[in-house]
Amino acid sequence: MSEGPTWVAALLAGVALGGFFFGVLQWSVRRAMLSEQPAKWFVGSMVLRTSVVLLGFYAVGHGHWERFVLCLLGFALAKLWIVSRSALGPPAEVHDAP
């Protein structure tokens, strides 16, 4: 059987995991900015996002390094897409004043 569909699924799973990770990050930052206790939002969000993504990578990879790498590539592609679509965009270069 061909590995092609499995590899495409691993890539798409990485995109979904990245979308979840960075989407929830944006959402939690917005919520924390309005909260009286922003640390709870940041810590809770970090634990949730990291747990889901690590479990997702483990499930997708399942002992196959090729699937893991494709999942990681999809995750990185999702990050690039979300950063390019965000209101802030990528960080600007900082220039020291003379």
C-alpha atoms as a PDB file:
ATOM      1  CA  MET A   1       0.000   0.000   0.000  1.00  0.00           C
ATOM      2  CA  SER A   2       1.201   3.495  -0.808  1.00  0.00           C
ATOM      3  CA  GLU A   3       2.368   5.801   1.970  1.00  0.00           C
ATOM      4  CA  GLY A   4       1.143   8.906   0.096  1.00  0.00           C
ATOM      5  CA  PRO A   5      -2.298   9.220   1.718  1.00  0.00           C
ATOM      6  CA  THR A   6      -0.796   8.596   5.151  1.00  0.00           C
ATOM      7  CA  TRP A   7       1.796  11.310   4.611  1.00  0.00           C
ATOM      8  CA  VAL A   8      -0.826  13.789   3.406  1.00  0.00           C
ATOM      9  CA  ALA A   9      -2.912  12.976   6.480  1.00  0.00           C
ATOM     10  CA  ALA A  10       0.123  13.568   8.724  1.00  0.00           C
ATOM     11  CA  LEU A  11       0.763  16.937   7.067  1.00  0.00           C
ATOM     12  CA  LEU A  12      -2.885  17.964   7.440  1.00  0.00           C
ATOM     13  CA  ALA A  13      -2.900  16.812  11.057  1.00  0.00           C
ATOM     14  CA  GLY A  14       0.108  19.063  11.670  1.00  0.00           C
ATOM     15  CA  VAL A  15      -1.716  21.997  10.090  1.00  0.00           C
ATOM     16  CA  ALA A  16      -4.728  21.296  12.324  1.00  0.00           C
ATOM     17  CA  LEU A  17      -2.541  21.036  15.429  1.00  0.00           C
ATOM     18  CA  GLY A  18      -0.764  24.266  14.523  1.00  0.00           C
ATOM     19  CA  GLY A  19      -4.065  26.003  13.886  1.00  0.00           C
ATOM     20  CA  PHE A  20      -5.306  24.856  17.272  1.00  0.00           C
ATOM     21  CA  PHE A  21      -2.100  25.835  19.083  1.00  0.00           C
ATOM     22  CA  PHE A  22      -1.734  29.324  17.647  1.00  0.00           C
ATOM     23  CA  GLY A  23      -5.455  30.018  17.444  1.00  0.00           C
ATOM     24  CA  VAL A  24      -5.910  29.264  21.135  1.00  0.00           C
ATOM     25  CA  LEU A  25      -2.780  31.306  21.874  1.00  0.00           C
ATOM     26  CA  GLN A  26      -4.272  34.368  20.159  1.00  0.00           C
ATOM     27  CA  TRP A  27      -7.592  33.848  21.887  1.00  0.00           C
ATOM     28  CA  SER A  28      -6.023  33.463  25.340  1.00  0.00           C
ATOM     29  CA  VAL A  29      -3.818  36.540  24.903  1.00  0.00           C
ATOM     30  CA  ARG A  30      -6.897  38.616  24.075  1.00  0.00           C
ATOM     31  CA  ARG A  31      -8.754  37.202  27.086  1.00  0.00           C
ATOM     32  CA  ALA A  32      -5.766  37.722  29.392  1.00  0.00           C
ATOM     33  CA  MET A  33      -5.460  41.359  28.376  1.00  0.00           C
ATOM     34  CA  LEU A  34      -8.950  41.972  29.784  1.00  0.00           C
ATOM     35  CA  SER A  35      -8.531  39.807  32.868  1.00  0.00           C
ATOM     36  CA  GLU A  36      -7.549  40.840  36.354  1.00  0.00           C
ATOM     37  CA  GLN A  37      -5.456  37.660  36.603  1.00  0.00           C
ATOM     38  CA  PRO A  38      -3.738  37.220  33.249  1.00  0.00           C
ATOM     39  CA  ALA A  39      -1.234  34.673  34.581  1.00  0.00           C
ATOM     40  CA  LYS A  40      -4.026  32.125  34.990  1.00  0.00           C
ATOM     41  CA  TRP A  41      -4.962  32.552  31.319  1.00  0.00           C
ATOM     42  CA  PHE A  42      -1.380  32.233  30.126  1.00  0.00           C
ATOM     43  CA  VAL A  43      -0.490  29.215  32.259  1.00  0.00           C
ATOM     44  CA  GLY A  44      -3.768  27.415  31.662  1.00  0.00           C
ATOM     45  CA  SER A  45      -3.581  28.043  27.936  1.00  0.00           C
ATOM     46  CA  MET A  46       0.031  26.883  27.772  1.00  0.00           C
ATOM     47  CA  VAL A  47      -0.713  23.630  29.577  1.00  0.00           C
ATOM     48  CA  LEU A  48      -3.754  22.903  27.398  1.00  0.00           C
ATOM     49  CA  ARG A  49      -2.087  23.807  24.087  1.00  0.00           C
ATOM     50  CA  THR A  50       1.122  21.940  24.828  1.00  0.00           C
ATOM     51  CA  SER A  51      -0.686  18.825  26.045  1.00  0.00           C
ATOM     52  CA  VAL A  52      -2.962  18.633  23.003  1.00  0.00           C
ATOM     53  CA  VAL A  53      -0.116  19.204  20.536  1.00  0.00           C
ATOM     54  CA  LEU A  54       2.247  16.709  22.174  1.00  0.00           C
ATOM     55  CA  LEU A  55      -0.467  14.058  22.267  1.00  0.00           C
ATOM     56  CA  GLY A  56      -1.293  14.850  18.645  1.00  0.00           C
ATOM     57  CA  PHE A  57       2.329  14.520  17.527  1.00  0.00           C
ATOM     58  CA  TYR A  58       2.613  11.237  19.422  1.00  0.00           C
ATOM     59  CA  ALA A  59      -0.578   9.869  17.850  1.00  0.00           C
ATOM     60  CA  VAL A  60       0.339  10.953  14.320  1.00  0.00           C
ATOM     61  CA  GLY A  61       3.967   9.838  14.484  1.00  0.00           C
ATOM     62  CA  HIS A  62       3.202   6.498  16.127  1.00  0.00           C
ATOM     63  CA  GLY A  63       6.773   5.304  15.730  1.00  0.00           C
ATOM     64  CA  HIS A  64       7.293   6.571  12.172  1.00  0.00           C
ATOM     65  CA  TRP A  65       9.740   9.477  11.932  1.00  0.00           C
ATOM     66  CA  GLU A  66       8.477  10.437   8.444  1.00  0.00           C
ATOM     67  CA  ARG A  67       4.964  11.057   9.759  1.00  0.00           C
ATOM     68  CA  PHE A  68       6.339  13.021  12.698  1.00  0.00           C
ATOM     69  CA  VAL A  69       8.423  15.249  10.409  1.00  0.00           C
ATOM     70  CA  LEU A  70       5.453  15.879   8.104  1.00  0.00           C
ATOM     71  CA  CYS A  71       3.268  16.695  11.098  1.00  0.00           C
ATOM     72  CA  LEU A  72       5.901  19.127  12.339  1.00  0.00           C
ATOM     73  CA  LEU A  73       6.106  20.692   8.865  1.00  0.00           C
ATOM     74  CA  GLY A  74       2.333  21.170   8.845  1.00  0.00           C
ATOM     75  CA  PHE A  75       2.541  22.742  12.304  1.00  0.00           C
ATOM     76  CA  ALA A  76       5.175  25.217  11.063  1.00  0.00           C
ATOM     77  CA  LEU A  77       3.114  26.038   7.965  1.00  0.00           C
ATOM     78  CA  ALA A  78       0.112  26.796  10.170  1.00  0.00           C
ATOM     79  CA  LYS A  79       2.256  29.114  12.271  1.00  0.00           C
ATOM     80  CA  LEU A  80       3.468  30.989   9.215  1.00  0.00           C
ATOM     81  CA  TRP A  81      -0.072  31.326   7.900  1.00  0.00           C
ATOM     82  CA  ILE A  82      -1.515  32.549  11.220  1.00  0.00           C
ATOM     83  CA  VAL A  83       1.304  35.058  11.765  1.00  0.00           C
ATOM     84  CA  SER A  84       0.870  36.434   8.244  1.00  0.00           C
ATOM     85  CA  ARG A  85      -2.899  36.771   8.793  1.00  0.00           C
ATOM     86  CA  SER A  86      -2.733  38.274  12.274  1.00  0.00           C
ATOM     87  CA  ALA A  87      -3.326  41.944  12.881  1.00  0.00           C
ATOM     88  CA  LEU A  88       0.177  42.404  14.216  1.00  0.00           C
ATOM     89  CA  GLY A  89       2.007  40.426  11.573  1.00  0.00           C
ATOM     90  CA  PRO A  90       5.616  39.411  12.044  1.00  0.00           C
ATOM     91  CA  PRO A  91       7.691  41.441  14.477  1.00  0.00           C
ATOM     92  CA  ALA A  92       9.266  44.539  13.001  1.00  0.00           C
ATOM     93  CA  GLU A  93      12.988  45.093  13.147  1.00  0.00           C
ATOM     94  CA  VAL A  94      14.150  47.194  16.029  1.00  0.00           C
ATOM     95  CA  HIS A  95      16.601  49.959  15.229  1.00  0.00           C
ATOM     96  CA  ASP A  96      18.624  51.640  17.931  1.00  0.00           C
ATOM     97  CA  ALA A  97      18.379  55.395  17.971  1.00  0.00           C
ATOM     98  CA  PRO A  98      21.681  57.166  17.348  1.00  0.00           C
END
